[in-house]
Amino acid sequence: DKKNEHLKTLENAPEKLQLFKADLLDYDGLYSAIVGCDGVFHVASPLPTHAVVDPE
């Protein structure tokens, strides 16, 4: 994915960095992506399908 190419240039990325796409509502998919990880950067958010009256 072109938008993530810069991450692959980080120090030790070729040996230690793995990128995953996962459905946030799929527990098993998320679990398999993070099991055994030392750290996780979660940069996604579910989008509501209805109007949000008070997002705070």
PDB file of N, CA and C in Angstrom:
ATOM      1  N   ASP A   1       0.846  -1.175   0.000  1.00  0.00           N
ATOM      2  CA  ASP A   1       0.000   0.000   0.000  1.00  0.00           C
ATOM      3  C   ASP A   1       0.893   1.240   0.000  1.00  0.00           C
ATOM      4  N   LYS A   2       0.711   2.095  -0.971  1.00  0.00           N
ATOM      5  CA  LYS A   2       1.579   3.261  -1.148  1.00  0.00           C
ATOM      6  C   LYS A   2       1.599   4.180   0.078  1.00  0.00           C
ATOM      7  N   LYS A   3       0.462   4.345   0.744  1.00  0.00           N
ATOM      8  CA  LYS A   3       0.409   5.267   1.884  1.00  0.00           C
ATOM      9  C   LYS A   3       1.206   4.771   3.087  1.00  0.00           C
ATOM     10  N   ASN A   4       1.594   3.504   3.088  1.00  0.00           N
ATOM     11  CA  ASN A   4       2.358   2.942   4.202  1.00  0.00           C
ATOM     12  C   ASN A   4       3.823   2.682   3.870  1.00  0.00           C
ATOM     13  N   GLU A   5       4.247   2.998   2.657  1.00  0.00           N
ATOM     14  CA  GLU A   5       5.613   2.697   2.226  1.00  0.00           C
ATOM     15  C   GLU A   5       6.666   3.314   3.138  1.00  0.00           C
ATOM     16  N   HIS A   6       6.412   4.513   3.653  1.00  0.00           N
ATOM     17  CA  HIS A   6       7.400   5.173   4.514  1.00  0.00           C
ATOM     18  C   HIS A   6       7.670   4.383   5.794  1.00  0.00           C
ATOM     19  N   LEU A   7       6.695   3.625   6.250  1.00  0.00           N
ATOM     20  CA  LEU A   7       6.889   2.831   7.464  1.00  0.00           C
ATOM     21  C   LEU A   7       7.918   1.727   7.252  1.00  0.00           C
ATOM     22  N   LYS A   8       7.996   1.243   6.037  1.00  0.00           N
ATOM     23  CA  LYS A   8       8.921   0.157   5.725  1.00  0.00           C
ATOM     24  C   LYS A   8      10.374   0.619   5.697  1.00  0.00           C
ATOM     25  N   THR A   9      10.600   1.929   5.745  1.00  0.00           N
ATOM     26  CA  THR A   9      11.964   2.458   5.757  1.00  0.00           C
ATOM     27  C   THR A   9      12.465   2.728   7.177  1.00  0.00           C
ATOM     28  N   LEU A  10      11.633   2.510   8.173  1.00  0.00           N
ATOM     29  CA  LEU A  10      12.052   2.714   9.559  1.00  0.00           C
ATOM     30  C   LEU A  10      13.127   1.705   9.948  1.00  0.00           C
ATOM     31  N   GLU A  11      13.944   2.096  10.899  1.00  0.00           N
ATOM     32  CA  GLU A  11      15.011   1.210  11.375  1.00  0.00           C
ATOM     33  C   GLU A  11      14.433  -0.127  11.843  1.00  0.00           C
ATOM     34  N   ASN A  12      15.003  -1.197  11.390  1.00  0.00           N
ATOM     35  CA  ASN A  12      14.612  -2.572  11.724  1.00  0.00           C
ATOM     36  C   ASN A  12      13.236  -2.979  11.196  1.00  0.00           C
ATOM     37  N   ALA A  13      12.604  -2.136  10.407  1.00  0.00           N
ATOM     38  CA  ALA A  13      11.273  -2.469   9.890  1.00  0.00           C
ATOM     39  C   ALA A  13      11.253  -3.772   9.087  1.00  0.00           C
ATOM     40  N   PRO A  14      12.227  -4.002   8.210  1.00  0.00           N
ATOM     41  CA  PRO A  14      12.156  -5.250   7.435  1.00  0.00           C
ATOM     42  C   PRO A  14      12.130  -6.510   8.307  1.00  0.00           C
ATOM     43  N   GLU A  15      12.765  -6.445   9.462  1.00  0.00           N
ATOM     44  CA  GLU A  15      12.810  -7.615  10.341  1.00  0.00           C
ATOM     45  C   GLU A  15      11.674  -7.643  11.362  1.00  0.00           C
ATOM     46  N   LYS A  16      11.188  -6.464  11.761  1.00  0.00           N
ATOM     47  CA  LYS A  16      10.284  -6.425  12.914  1.00  0.00           C
ATOM     48  C   LYS A  16       8.890  -5.867  12.651  1.00  0.00           C
ATOM     49  N   LEU A  17       8.680  -5.206  11.542  1.00  0.00           N
ATOM     50  CA  LEU A  17       7.390  -4.558  11.299  1.00  0.00           C
ATOM     51  C   LEU A  17       6.517  -5.409  10.393  1.00  0.00           C
ATOM     52  N   GLN A  18       5.299  -5.639  10.835  1.00  0.00           N
ATOM     53  CA  GLN A  18       4.294  -6.298  10.009  1.00  0.00           C
ATOM     54  C   GLN A  18       3.051  -5.426  10.001  1.00  0.00           C
ATOM     55  N   LEU A  19       2.481  -5.221   8.831  1.00  0.00           N
ATOM     56  CA  LEU A  19       1.273  -4.422   8.694  1.00  0.00           C
ATOM     57  C   LEU A  19       0.107  -5.342   8.357  1.00  0.00           C
ATOM     58  N   PHE A  20      -1.034  -5.096   8.989  1.00  0.00           N
ATOM     59  CA  PHE A  20      -2.221  -5.915   8.783  1.00  0.00           C
ATOM     60  C   PHE A  20      -3.421  -5.033   8.504  1.00  0.00           C
ATOM     61  N   LYS A  21      -4.315  -5.526   7.687  1.00  0.00           N
ATOM     62  CA  LYS A  21      -5.646  -4.939   7.551  1.00  0.00           C
ATOM     63  C   LYS A  21      -6.587  -5.911   8.233  1.00  0.00           C
ATOM     64  N   ALA A  22      -7.492  -5.377   9.032  1.00  0.00           N
ATOM     65  CA  ALA A  22      -8.420  -6.255   9.746  1.00  0.00           C
ATOM     66  C   ALA A  22      -9.753  -5.553   9.935  1.00  0.00           C
ATOM     67  N   ASP A  23     -10.786  -6.336  10.051  1.00  0.00           N
ATOM     68  CA  ASP A  23     -12.122  -5.831  10.347  1.00  0.00           C
ATOM     69  C   ASP A  23     -12.210  -5.621  11.854  1.00  0.00           C
ATOM     70  N   LEU A  24     -12.475  -4.395  12.278  1.00  0.00           N
ATOM     71  CA  LEU A  24     -12.530  -4.086  13.707  1.00  0.00           C
ATOM     72  C   LEU A  24     -13.625  -4.845  14.443  1.00  0.00           C
ATOM     73  N   LEU A  25     -14.585  -5.339  13.717  1.00  0.00           N
ATOM     74  CA  LEU A  25     -15.680  -6.073  14.343  1.00  0.00           C
ATOM     75  C   LEU A  25     -15.446  -7.586  14.328  1.00  0.00           C
ATOM     76  N   ASP A  26     -14.307  -8.011  13.809  1.00  0.00           N
ATOM     77  CA  ASP A  26     -13.974  -9.436  13.727  1.00  0.00           C
ATOM     78  C   ASP A  26     -12.916  -9.763  14.777  1.00  0.00           C
ATOM     79  N   TYR A  27     -13.356 -10.233  15.939  1.00  0.00           N
ATOM     80  CA  TYR A  27     -12.445 -10.504  17.051  1.00  0.00           C
ATOM     81  C   TYR A  27     -11.336 -11.472  16.652  1.00  0.00           C
ATOM     82  N   ASP A  28     -11.684 -12.568  16.016  1.00  0.00           N
ATOM     83  CA  ASP A  28     -10.680 -13.566  15.655  1.00  0.00           C
ATOM     84  C   ASP A  28      -9.639 -12.994  14.696  1.00  0.00           C
ATOM     85  N   GLY A  29     -10.074 -12.176  13.756  1.00  0.00           N
ATOM     86  CA  GLY A  29      -9.142 -11.548  12.822  1.00  0.00           C
ATOM     87  C   GLY A  29      -8.195 -10.590  13.520  1.00  0.00           C
ATOM     88  N   LEU A  30      -8.731  -9.794  14.434  1.00  0.00           N
ATOM     89  CA  LEU A  30      -7.884  -8.872  15.195  1.00  0.00           C
ATOM     90  C   LEU A  30      -6.924  -9.635  16.093  1.00  0.00           C
ATOM     91  N   TYR A  31      -7.432 -10.648  16.747  1.00  0.00           N
ATOM     92  CA  TYR A  31      -6.591 -11.433  17.648  1.00  0.00           C
ATOM     93  C   TYR A  31      -5.423 -12.060  16.893  1.00  0.00           C
ATOM     94  N   SER A  32      -5.690 -12.640  15.749  1.00  0.00           N
ATOM     95  CA  SER A  32      -4.614 -13.288  14.997  1.00  0.00           C
ATOM     96  C   SER A  32      -3.581 -12.275  14.513  1.00  0.00           C
ATOM     97  N   ALA A  33      -3.984 -11.026  14.321  1.00  0.00           N
ATOM     98  CA  ALA A  33      -3.043  -9.992  13.889  1.00  0.00           C
ATOM     99  C   ALA A  33      -2.168  -9.493  15.037  1.00  0.00           C
ATOM    100  N   ILE A  34      -2.659  -9.554  16.280  1.00  0.00           N
ATOM    101  CA  ILE A  34      -1.893  -8.966  17.387  1.00  0.00           C
ATOM    102  C   ILE A  34      -1.271  -9.971  18.343  1.00  0.00           C
ATOM    103  N   VAL A  35      -1.661 -11.227  18.268  1.00  0.00           N
ATOM    104  CA  VAL A  35      -1.106 -12.214  19.196  1.00  0.00           C
ATOM    105  C   VAL A  35       0.418 -12.279  19.026  1.00  0.00           C
ATOM    106  N   GLY A  36       1.127 -12.189  20.129  1.00  0.00           N
ATOM    107  CA  GLY A  36       2.581 -12.252  20.109  1.00  0.00           C
ATOM    108  C   GLY A  36       3.275 -10.932  19.839  1.00  0.00           C
ATOM    109  N   CYS A  37       2.517  -9.871  19.655  1.00  0.00           N
ATOM    110  CA  CYS A  37       3.116  -8.558  19.374  1.00  0.00           C
ATOM    111  C   CYS A  37       3.626  -7.903  20.651  1.00  0.00           C
ATOM    112  N   ASP A  38       4.679  -7.124  20.499  1.00  0.00           N
ATOM    113  CA  ASP A  38       5.174  -6.310  21.604  1.00  0.00           C
ATOM    114  C   ASP A  38       4.465  -4.964  21.651  1.00  0.00           C
ATOM    115  N   GLY A  39       3.889  -4.540  20.541  1.00  0.00           N
ATOM    116  CA  GLY A  39       3.185  -3.264  20.478  1.00  0.00           C
ATOM    117  C   GLY A  39       2.255  -3.227  19.288  1.00  0.00           C
ATOM    118  N   VAL A  40       1.217  -2.422  19.406  1.00  0.00           N
ATOM    119  CA  VAL A  40       0.229  -2.293  18.331  1.00  0.00           C
ATOM    120  C   VAL A  40      -0.101  -0.816  18.161  1.00  0.00           C
ATOM    121  N   PHE A  41      -0.085  -0.347  16.925  1.00  0.00           N
ATOM    122  CA  PHE A  41      -0.567   0.991  16.597  1.00  0.00           C
ATOM    123  C   PHE A  41      -1.910   0.814  15.915  1.00  0.00           C
ATOM    124  N   HIS A  42      -2.959   1.186  16.600  1.00  0.00           N
ATOM    125  CA  HIS A  42      -4.311   1.073  16.048  1.00  0.00           C
ATOM    126  C   HIS A  42      -4.650   2.427  15.445  1.00  0.00           C
ATOM    127  N   VAL A  43      -4.761   2.481  14.137  1.00  0.00           N
ATOM    128  CA  VAL A  43      -4.979   3.764  13.473  1.00  0.00           C
ATOM    129  C   VAL A  43      -6.290   3.803  12.695  1.00  0.00           C
ATOM    130  N   ALA A  44      -7.177   2.898  13.009  1.00  0.00           N
ATOM    131  CA  ALA A  44      -8.467   2.867  12.328  1.00  0.00           C
ATOM    132  C   ALA A  44      -9.577   3.161  13.322  1.00  0.00           C
ATOM    133  N   SER A  45     -10.716   3.478  12.793  1.00  0.00           N
ATOM    134  CA  SER A  45     -11.872   3.739  13.629  1.00  0.00           C
ATOM    135  C   SER A  45     -13.117   3.322  12.863  1.00  0.00           C
ATOM    136  N   PRO A  46     -14.053   2.671  13.541  1.00  0.00           N
ATOM    137  CA  PRO A  46     -15.297   2.338  12.840  1.00  0.00           C
ATOM    138  C   PRO A  46     -16.076   3.614  12.520  1.00  0.00           C
ATOM    139  N   LEU A  47     -16.733   3.614  11.402  1.00  0.00           N
ATOM    140  CA  LEU A  47     -17.546   4.755  11.006  1.00  0.00           C
ATOM    141  C   LEU A  47     -18.998   4.475  11.356  1.00  0.00           C
ATOM    142  N   PRO A  48     -19.639   5.415  12.039  1.00  0.00           N
ATOM    143  CA  PRO A  48     -21.048   5.186  12.382  1.00  0.00           C
ATOM    144  C   PRO A  48     -21.914   5.188  11.125  1.00  0.00           C
ATOM    145  N   THR A  49     -22.947   4.389  11.150  1.00  0.00           N
ATOM    146  CA  THR A  49     -23.870   4.330  10.013  1.00  0.00           C
ATOM    147  C   THR A  49     -25.060   5.258  10.207  1.00  0.00           C
ATOM    148  N   HIS A  50     -25.059   5.988  11.318  1.00  0.00           N
ATOM    149  CA  HIS A  50     -26.142   6.927  11.603  1.00  0.00           C
ATOM    150  C   HIS A  50     -25.540   8.257  12.069  1.00  0.00           C
ATOM    151  N   ALA A  51     -26.341   9.288  12.102  1.00  0.00           N
ATOM    152  CA  ALA A  51     -25.868  10.599  12.535  1.00  0.00           C
ATOM    153  C   ALA A  51     -25.504  10.560  14.018  1.00  0.00           C
ATOM    154  N   VAL A  52     -24.380  11.155  14.361  1.00  0.00           N
ATOM    155  CA  VAL A  52     -23.943  11.225  15.753  1.00  0.00           C
ATOM    156  C   VAL A  52     -24.420  12.556  16.321  1.00  0.00           C
ATOM    157  N   VAL A  53     -25.281  12.495  17.325  1.00  0.00           N
ATOM    158  CA  VAL A  53     -25.866  13.704  17.894  1.00  0.00           C
ATOM    159  C   VAL A  53     -24.848  14.454  18.744  1.00  0.00           C
ATOM    160  N   ASP A  54     -24.152  13.747  19.629  1.00  0.00           N
ATOM    161  CA  ASP A  54     -23.182  14.383  20.516  1.00  0.00           C
ATOM    162  C   ASP A  54     -21.918  13.521  20.566  1.00  0.00           C
ATOM    163  N   PRO A  55     -20.922  13.812  19.729  1.00  0.00           N
ATOM    164  CA  PRO A  55     -19.727  12.967  19.678  1.00  0.00           C
ATOM    165  C   PRO A  55     -18.851  13.059  20.918  1.00  0.00           C
ATOM    166  N   GLU A  56     -19.084  14.019  21.774  1.00  0.00           N
ATOM    167  CA  GLU A  56     -18.304  14.162  22.999  1.00  0.00           C
ATOM    168  C   GLU A  56     -18.832  13.215  24.025  1.00  0.00           C
TER     169      GLU A  56
END
